[in-house]
């Protein structure tokens, strides 16, 4: 049991069947082989079903980078130290970080949110939603209180509400937090019931010795905290981070407020999986972008029943992989609104001809 509002409380509706079928019929009228854009067609149909409109428009888009620090960094599980989190948060706000450069090509606005950095940024534009100044060291005890986990989730839901009110039609998720592949791997091990070794990767380029320290810290964290795999809030509070909590909320918020939310890499996929465990049905708002090089990434997407069109070994973070999906959707939508069989004078292809 959890103390989080249920699916019924949030009134998460399934995809609108009529809009989904209308989008499929529109695709089938376009002068091309049926289903020839593969999962891109399915994504457009899903957006139509989510928003309840066959007229799919993604003209205003955002990438939201949730930033937080993790106490487990003290265990030598990372190559960089926590001050990098604050530097990147400021870089996003100034429009000069990696994700900002990529977002500009995708016509997306980038936002950085302080969910719980050790040192707040003094750069104007960093959105302050700080739950606390960093989490506890999970190898020694819980990352946060249950109340803090719930606060982080509520913050993520509210970010989606706020962005929708400002006219944003699709949101790409990003995160920045030194140590967050450690927290995510710990949560994934518990949720998936897999050995630590199977779900733990090198993050931002750990050495062999660093990887061993990381695995050992995760094993100690799971033993010390004894998280309940059947209680997603318990797992999040004991092993997670404020960035993950906020992302969980964003995926739930996408379903509540009917805004498609793009999953980035491993950390984002772990948050999406947590959201689905906590609030079944919120998968209706999720779009997968790429398969991260982290070991558990594909396992999490498979568990969500989601396919990712990009398989390029991406592991930069900040939401860069999620942003890469936006131009693909733009290209698909250009054809979705393109020339029909009738307009070309061609005979329409049959659906599933025998």
Protein backbone atom coordinates (compact mmCIF):
# COMPACT_ATOMS: atom_id res chain seq x y z
CA UNK A 1 0.00 0.00 0.00
CA UNK A 2 1.05 3.60 -0.64
CA UNK A 3 -0.27 6.96 0.50
CA UNK A 4 -0.22 8.31 -3.06
CA UNK A 5 -3.48 9.22 -4.86
CA UNK A 6 -4.81 6.35 -6.94
CA UNK A 7 -5.41 6.24 -10.68
CA UNK A 8 -9.11 6.83 -10.01
CA UNK A 9 -8.31 9.91 -7.93
CA UNK A 10 -6.27 11.36 -10.78
CA UNK A 11 -8.88 10.23 -13.32
CA UNK A 12 -6.34 8.91 -15.79
CA UNK A 13 -8.35 8.00 -18.84
CA UNK A 14 -7.19 5.51 -21.46
CA UNK A 15 -6.38 6.63 -24.98
CA UNK A 16 -9.44 7.91 -26.83
CA UNK A 17 -10.31 5.06 -29.19
CA UNK A 18 -12.15 7.21 -31.71
CA UNK A 19 -9.26 9.67 -32.08
CA UNK A 20 -6.73 6.85 -32.29
CA UNK A 21 -8.72 5.13 -35.06
CA UNK A 22 -9.20 8.42 -36.90
CA UNK A 23 -5.44 9.00 -36.82
CA UNK A 24 -4.84 5.48 -38.15
CA UNK A 25 -7.33 6.08 -40.96
CA UNK A 26 -5.59 9.35 -41.79
CA UNK A 27 -2.25 7.56 -42.01
CA UNK A 28 -3.77 4.89 -44.24
CA UNK A 29 -5.04 7.56 -46.63
CA UNK A 30 -1.55 9.02 -47.16
CA UNK A 31 0.03 8.01 -50.47
CA UNK A 32 2.58 5.54 -49.14
CA UNK A 33 2.68 1.88 -48.15
CA UNK A 34 0.53 1.13 -45.11
CA UNK A 35 2.47 1.36 -41.85
CA UNK A 36 5.73 2.19 -43.63
CA UNK A 37 6.84 4.71 -40.99
CA UNK A 38 6.67 2.00 -38.35
CA UNK A 39 6.70 3.14 -34.76
CA UNK A 40 6.60 6.81 -35.76
CA UNK A 41 3.09 6.25 -37.09
CA UNK A 42 2.15 4.51 -33.85
CA UNK A 43 3.49 7.46 -31.83
CA UNK A 44 1.41 9.95 -33.80
CA UNK A 45 -1.64 7.75 -33.29
CA UNK A 46 -0.88 7.55 -29.57
CA UNK A 47 -0.64 11.34 -29.31
CA UNK A 48 -3.99 11.66 -31.08
CA UNK A 49 -5.52 9.18 -28.65
CA UNK A 50 -3.98 10.96 -25.66
CA UNK A 51 -5.11 14.44 -26.66
CA UNK A 52 -8.44 13.35 -28.11
CA UNK A 53 -7.80 14.99 -31.46
CA UNK A 54 -6.80 13.64 -34.87
CA UNK A 55 -5.21 17.06 -35.50
CA UNK A 56 -1.78 16.43 -33.97
CA UNK A 57 0.21 19.63 -33.40
CA UNK A 58 3.54 19.75 -31.56
CA UNK A 59 4.44 23.33 -32.42
CA UNK A 60 5.45 24.36 -28.90
CA UNK A 61 7.76 21.95 -27.12
CA UNK A 62 9.89 21.90 -23.99
CA UNK A 63 12.75 19.91 -22.54
CA UNK A 64 12.81 19.98 -18.74
CA UNK A 65 16.06 19.11 -16.95
CA UNK A 66 15.51 18.18 -13.30
CA UNK A 67 18.65 18.75 -11.23
CA UNK A 68 19.50 17.22 -7.85
CA UNK A 69 22.44 15.86 -5.88
CA UNK A 70 22.94 12.46 -4.29
CA UNK A 71 24.70 11.68 -1.03
CA UNK A 72 26.05 8.38 -2.36
CA UNK A 73 28.67 10.36 -4.31
CA UNK A 74 30.70 10.18 -1.07
CA UNK A 75 31.30 6.49 -1.80
CA UNK A 76 33.46 7.18 -4.86
CA UNK A 77 30.84 5.97 -7.34
CA UNK A 78 31.27 8.83 -9.81
CA UNK A 79 33.99 10.40 -11.91
CA UNK A 80 32.83 13.97 -11.18
CA UNK A 81 31.78 15.68 -7.96
CA UNK A 82 28.46 17.25 -7.05
CA UNK A 83 29.44 20.82 -7.95
CA UNK A 84 28.99 19.83 -11.61
CA UNK A 85 25.25 19.52 -11.05
CA UNK A 86 24.99 23.20 -10.15
CA UNK A 87 27.21 24.23 -13.07
CA UNK A 88 25.09 22.33 -15.60
CA UNK A 89 21.84 23.65 -14.13
CA UNK A 90 23.14 27.17 -14.71
CA UNK A 91 24.35 26.29 -18.20
CA UNK A 92 20.88 25.07 -19.14
CA UNK A 93 19.32 28.28 -17.84
CA UNK A 94 21.83 30.32 -19.86
CA UNK A 95 21.09 28.29 -22.99
CA UNK A 96 24.63 27.00 -23.49
CA UNK A 97 24.56 23.39 -22.27
CA UNK A 98 24.61 20.35 -24.57
CA UNK A 99 20.86 19.85 -24.43
CA UNK A 100 20.26 23.53 -25.19
CA UNK A 101 22.33 23.38 -28.35
CA UNK A 102 20.42 20.32 -29.51
CA UNK A 103 17.07 21.73 -28.40
CA UNK A 104 17.63 24.80 -30.56
CA UNK A 105 17.76 22.60 -33.67
CA UNK A 106 14.53 20.91 -32.56
CA UNK A 107 12.78 24.22 -31.80
CA UNK A 108 12.39 23.29 -28.14
CA UNK A 109 12.68 25.52 -25.08
CA UNK A 110 15.00 24.18 -22.38
CA UNK A 111 14.30 24.64 -18.66
CA UNK A 112 16.40 23.63 -15.65
CA UNK A 113 14.72 22.90 -12.34
CA UNK A 114 16.47 22.73 -8.96
CA UNK A 115 14.83 19.72 -7.33
CA UNK A 116 17.49 19.35 -4.65
CA UNK A 117 20.99 20.49 -5.51
CA UNK A 118 23.52 20.80 -2.70
CA UNK A 119 24.38 24.32 -3.82
CA UNK A 120 21.69 26.44 -5.49
CA UNK A 121 22.59 28.10 -8.76
CA UNK A 122 22.92 31.88 -8.85
CA UNK A 123 22.03 31.92 -12.56
CA UNK A 124 18.76 33.65 -13.34
CA UNK A 125 16.23 31.28 -14.87
CA UNK A 126 16.92 28.15 -12.82
CA UNK A 127 13.47 27.20 -11.51
CA UNK A 128 13.52 26.64 -7.75
CA UNK A 129 11.51 23.60 -6.69
CA UNK A 130 14.05 22.35 -4.16
CA UNK A 131 12.81 19.62 -1.84
CA UNK A 132 16.04 19.54 0.20
CA UNK A 133 19.73 20.27 -0.33
CA UNK A 134 20.73 16.83 -1.59
CA UNK A 135 19.73 13.35 -0.49
CA UNK A 136 21.20 11.09 2.14
CA UNK A 137 23.86 8.51 1.29
CA UNK A 138 21.81 5.46 0.30
CA UNK A 139 24.64 3.10 1.23
CA UNK A 140 24.15 4.18 4.85
CA UNK A 141 20.41 4.86 5.07
CA UNK A 142 17.41 6.24 3.18
CA UNK A 143 17.83 8.89 0.51
CA UNK A 144 14.85 10.91 1.74
CA UNK A 145 11.70 10.72 3.80
CA UNK A 146 8.49 9.39 2.36
CA UNK A 147 7.02 12.88 2.58
CA UNK A 148 9.90 14.30 0.55
CA UNK A 149 9.39 11.64 -2.12
CA UNK A 150 5.72 12.58 -2.37
CA UNK A 151 6.63 16.27 -2.52
CA UNK A 152 9.00 15.59 -5.41
CA UNK A 153 6.34 13.67 -7.31
CA UNK A 154 3.75 16.40 -6.75
CA UNK A 155 6.26 18.94 -8.05
CA UNK A 156 6.71 16.98 -11.27
CA UNK A 157 2.96 16.76 -11.81
CA UNK A 158 2.63 20.49 -11.28
CA UNK A 159 5.44 21.27 -13.73
CA UNK A 160 3.45 19.52 -16.47
CA UNK A 161 0.30 21.41 -15.52
CA UNK A 162 2.17 24.71 -15.63
CA UNK A 163 3.81 24.02 -18.98
CA UNK A 164 0.52 22.94 -20.55
CA UNK A 165 -1.06 26.17 -19.32
CA UNK A 166 1.71 28.02 -21.18
CA UNK A 167 0.85 26.23 -24.40
CA UNK A 168 3.44 23.45 -24.50
CA UNK A 169 2.18 20.40 -26.39
CA UNK A 170 5.00 17.91 -25.78
CA UNK A 171 7.65 17.68 -23.05
CA UNK A 172 11.00 15.93 -23.28
CA UNK A 173 12.42 14.80 -19.94
CA UNK A 174 15.99 15.36 -18.83
CA UNK A 175 17.97 15.18 -15.61
CA UNK A 176 21.27 16.25 -14.15
CA UNK A 177 22.58 14.83 -10.91
CA UNK A 178 26.00 13.42 -10.23
CA UNK A 179 25.46 9.91 -8.84
CA UNK A 180 22.01 9.35 -10.30
CA UNK A 181 22.91 6.25 -12.32
CA UNK A 182 23.80 4.72 -8.94
CA UNK A 183 20.43 5.56 -7.40
CA UNK A 184 18.60 4.45 -10.56
CA UNK A 185 20.50 1.15 -10.72
CA UNK A 186 19.64 0.48 -7.08
CA UNK A 187 15.95 1.06 -7.74
CA UNK A 188 16.04 -1.02 -10.92
CA UNK A 189 17.64 -3.95 -9.12
CA UNK A 190 14.83 -3.96 -6.56
CA UNK A 191 11.96 -3.42 -9.00
CA UNK A 192 13.17 -5.94 -11.58
CA UNK A 193 14.40 -8.46 -9.03
CA UNK A 194 17.79 -8.69 -10.72
CA UNK A 195 21.34 -8.92 -9.37
CA UNK A 196 23.11 -5.59 -8.98
CA UNK A 197 25.69 -6.65 -11.57
CA UNK A 198 23.01 -7.00 -14.28
CA UNK A 199 21.62 -3.49 -13.92
CA UNK A 200 24.70 -1.42 -13.13
CA UNK A 201 26.80 0.32 -15.79
CA UNK A 202 29.66 2.77 -15.90
CA UNK A 203 27.54 5.92 -15.94
CA UNK A 204 29.68 8.81 -17.13
CA UNK A 205 32.75 6.68 -17.83
CA UNK A 206 33.75 4.99 -14.57
CA UNK A 207 36.97 2.98 -14.40
CA UNK A 208 36.88 -0.71 -13.53
CA UNK A 209 37.68 0.14 -9.91
CA UNK A 210 34.99 2.80 -9.85
CA UNK A 211 32.42 0.39 -11.26
CA UNK A 212 33.22 -2.11 -8.50
CA UNK A 213 32.78 0.60 -5.85
CA UNK A 214 29.46 1.51 -7.44
CA UNK A 215 28.18 -2.06 -7.38
CA UNK A 216 29.30 -2.50 -3.77
CA UNK A 217 27.60 0.74 -2.69
CA UNK A 218 24.33 -0.34 -4.34
CA UNK A 219 24.47 -3.74 -2.67
CA UNK A 220 25.03 -2.07 0.72
CA UNK A 221 22.16 0.35 0.05
CA UNK A 222 19.70 -2.43 -0.68
CA UNK A 223 20.80 -4.39 2.40
CA UNK A 224 20.76 -1.35 4.70
CA UNK A 225 17.36 -0.03 3.58
CA UNK A 226 15.45 -3.26 2.85
CA UNK A 227 13.08 -1.52 0.40
CA UNK A 228 9.67 -3.04 -0.27
CA UNK A 229 9.52 -3.82 -4.01
CA UNK A 230 5.73 -3.79 -3.85
CA UNK A 231 5.69 -0.21 -2.57
CA UNK A 232 7.11 2.17 -5.22
CA UNK A 233 7.21 5.12 -2.81
CA UNK A 234 9.24 3.09 -0.34
CA UNK A 235 11.77 2.15 -3.03
CA UNK A 236 11.99 5.74 -4.26
CA UNK A 237 12.37 7.22 -0.78
CA UNK A 238 15.02 4.76 0.33
CA UNK A 239 17.10 4.45 -2.84
CA UNK A 240 16.19 7.26 -5.24
CA UNK A 241 16.80 10.95 -5.74
CA UNK A 242 14.82 14.16 -5.97
CA UNK A 243 15.39 14.28 -9.73
CA UNK A 244 13.86 10.81 -10.08
CA UNK A 245 10.91 11.80 -7.88
CA UNK A 246 10.22 14.82 -10.06
CA UNK A 247 10.43 12.73 -13.22
CA UNK A 248 7.98 10.21 -11.77
CA UNK A 249 5.59 13.09 -11.26
CA UNK A 250 6.08 14.37 -14.79
CA UNK A 251 5.10 11.02 -16.29
CA UNK A 252 2.00 10.87 -14.10
CA UNK A 253 1.30 14.52 -14.91
CA UNK A 254 1.45 13.79 -18.63
CA UNK A 255 -1.35 11.25 -18.25
CA UNK A 256 -3.40 13.50 -15.97
CA UNK A 257 -3.05 16.61 -18.14
CA UNK A 258 -2.98 14.77 -21.50
CA UNK A 259 0.48 15.94 -22.60
CA UNK A 260 2.89 13.48 -24.26
CA UNK A 261 6.06 13.05 -22.21
CA UNK A 262 9.23 11.79 -23.91
CA UNK A 263 11.40 9.32 -22.01
CA UNK A 264 15.11 10.07 -22.34
CA UNK A 265 17.60 7.40 -21.20
CA UNK A 266 18.06 5.02 -18.30
CA UNK A 267 17.21 7.37 -15.43
CA UNK A 268 14.16 8.70 -17.22
CA UNK A 269 13.04 5.15 -18.09
CA UNK A 270 13.44 4.12 -14.45
CA UNK A 271 11.25 7.05 -13.42
CA UNK A 272 8.67 6.13 -16.06
CA UNK A 273 8.63 2.55 -14.80
CA UNK A 274 8.19 3.79 -11.22
CA UNK A 275 5.31 6.02 -12.32
CA UNK A 276 3.60 3.10 -14.03
CA UNK A 277 3.98 0.95 -10.90
CA UNK A 278 2.61 3.76 -8.76
CA UNK A 279 -0.17 4.90 -11.05
CA UNK A 280 -1.14 2.21 -13.61
CA UNK A 281 -2.42 3.70 -16.83
CA UNK A 282 -0.01 6.61 -17.04
CA UNK A 283 1.88 4.77 -19.80
CA UNK A 284 -0.69 6.36 -22.13
CA UNK A 285 1.38 9.57 -22.10
CA UNK A 286 4.83 8.01 -22.52
CA UNK A 287 6.91 8.07 -25.70
CA UNK A 288 10.27 6.28 -25.74
CA UNK A 289 13.07 8.05 -27.60
CA UNK A 290 16.20 5.87 -27.46
CA UNK A 291 17.74 2.83 -25.83
CA UNK A 292 20.44 3.95 -23.44
CA UNK A 293 23.74 2.10 -23.23
CA UNK A 294 23.13 1.46 -19.50
CA UNK A 295 22.42 -2.26 -18.86
CA UNK A 296 18.90 -1.93 -17.43
CA UNK A 297 17.56 0.58 -19.95
CA UNK A 298 16.10 -1.90 -22.42
CA UNK A 299 14.75 -4.08 -19.61
CA UNK A 300 12.77 -1.12 -18.26
CA UNK A 301 11.38 -0.14 -21.65
CA UNK A 302 10.41 -3.76 -22.31
CA UNK A 303 8.65 -3.87 -18.95
CA UNK A 304 6.69 -0.78 -19.97
CA UNK A 305 5.82 -2.30 -23.34
CA UNK A 306 7.51 0.57 -25.17
CA UNK A 307 9.72 0.60 -28.24
CA UNK A 308 12.35 3.26 -28.91
CA UNK A 309 13.14 4.28 -32.50
CA UNK A 310 16.69 5.46 -31.78
CA UNK A 311 19.39 2.92 -31.00
CA UNK A 312 22.62 4.87 -31.22
CA UNK A 313 24.45 4.12 -27.99
CA UNK A 314 23.54 7.53 -26.53
CA UNK A 315 24.50 8.23 -22.91
CA UNK A 316 25.02 12.00 -22.69
CA UNK A 317 22.02 12.71 -20.49
CA UNK A 318 20.42 16.12 -19.88
CA UNK A 319 17.49 15.04 -22.07
CA UNK A 320 19.57 15.02 -25.26
CA UNK A 321 18.25 11.64 -26.39
CA UNK A 322 14.65 12.71 -25.81
CA UNK A 323 15.24 15.85 -27.87
CA UNK A 324 16.46 13.66 -30.75
CA UNK A 325 12.95 12.22 -31.08
CA UNK A 326 11.38 15.61 -31.84
CA UNK A 327 12.77 16.02 -35.40
CA UNK A 328 11.67 12.46 -36.19
CA UNK A 329 8.14 13.31 -35.07
CA UNK A 330 8.28 16.51 -37.14
CA UNK A 331 9.21 14.52 -40.23
CA UNK A 332 6.43 12.02 -39.56
CA UNK A 333 3.86 14.77 -39.05
CA UNK A 334 4.88 16.42 -42.31
CA UNK A 335 3.81 13.21 -44.04
CA UNK A 336 0.79 12.70 -41.78
CA UNK A 337 -0.54 15.98 -43.16
CA UNK A 338 0.76 15.17 -46.66
CA UNK A 339 -0.60 14.03 -49.98
CA UNK A 340 -3.32 11.40 -49.99
CA UNK A 341 -3.95 8.59 -52.45
CA UNK A 342 -7.03 10.47 -53.65
CA UNK A 343 -5.06 13.65 -54.34
CA UNK A 344 -2.47 11.78 -56.40
CA UNK A 345 -5.06 9.79 -58.32
CA UNK A 346 -3.51 6.55 -57.09
CA UNK A 347 -5.49 3.55 -55.96
CA UNK A 348 -5.21 3.26 -52.19
CA UNK A 349 -3.23 0.41 -50.69
CA UNK A 350 -5.25 -2.19 -48.84
CA UNK A 351 -4.82 -2.65 -45.11
CA UNK A 352 -3.34 -6.09 -44.42
CA UNK A 353 -4.01 -7.47 -47.94
CA UNK A 354 -4.31 -11.28 -48.15
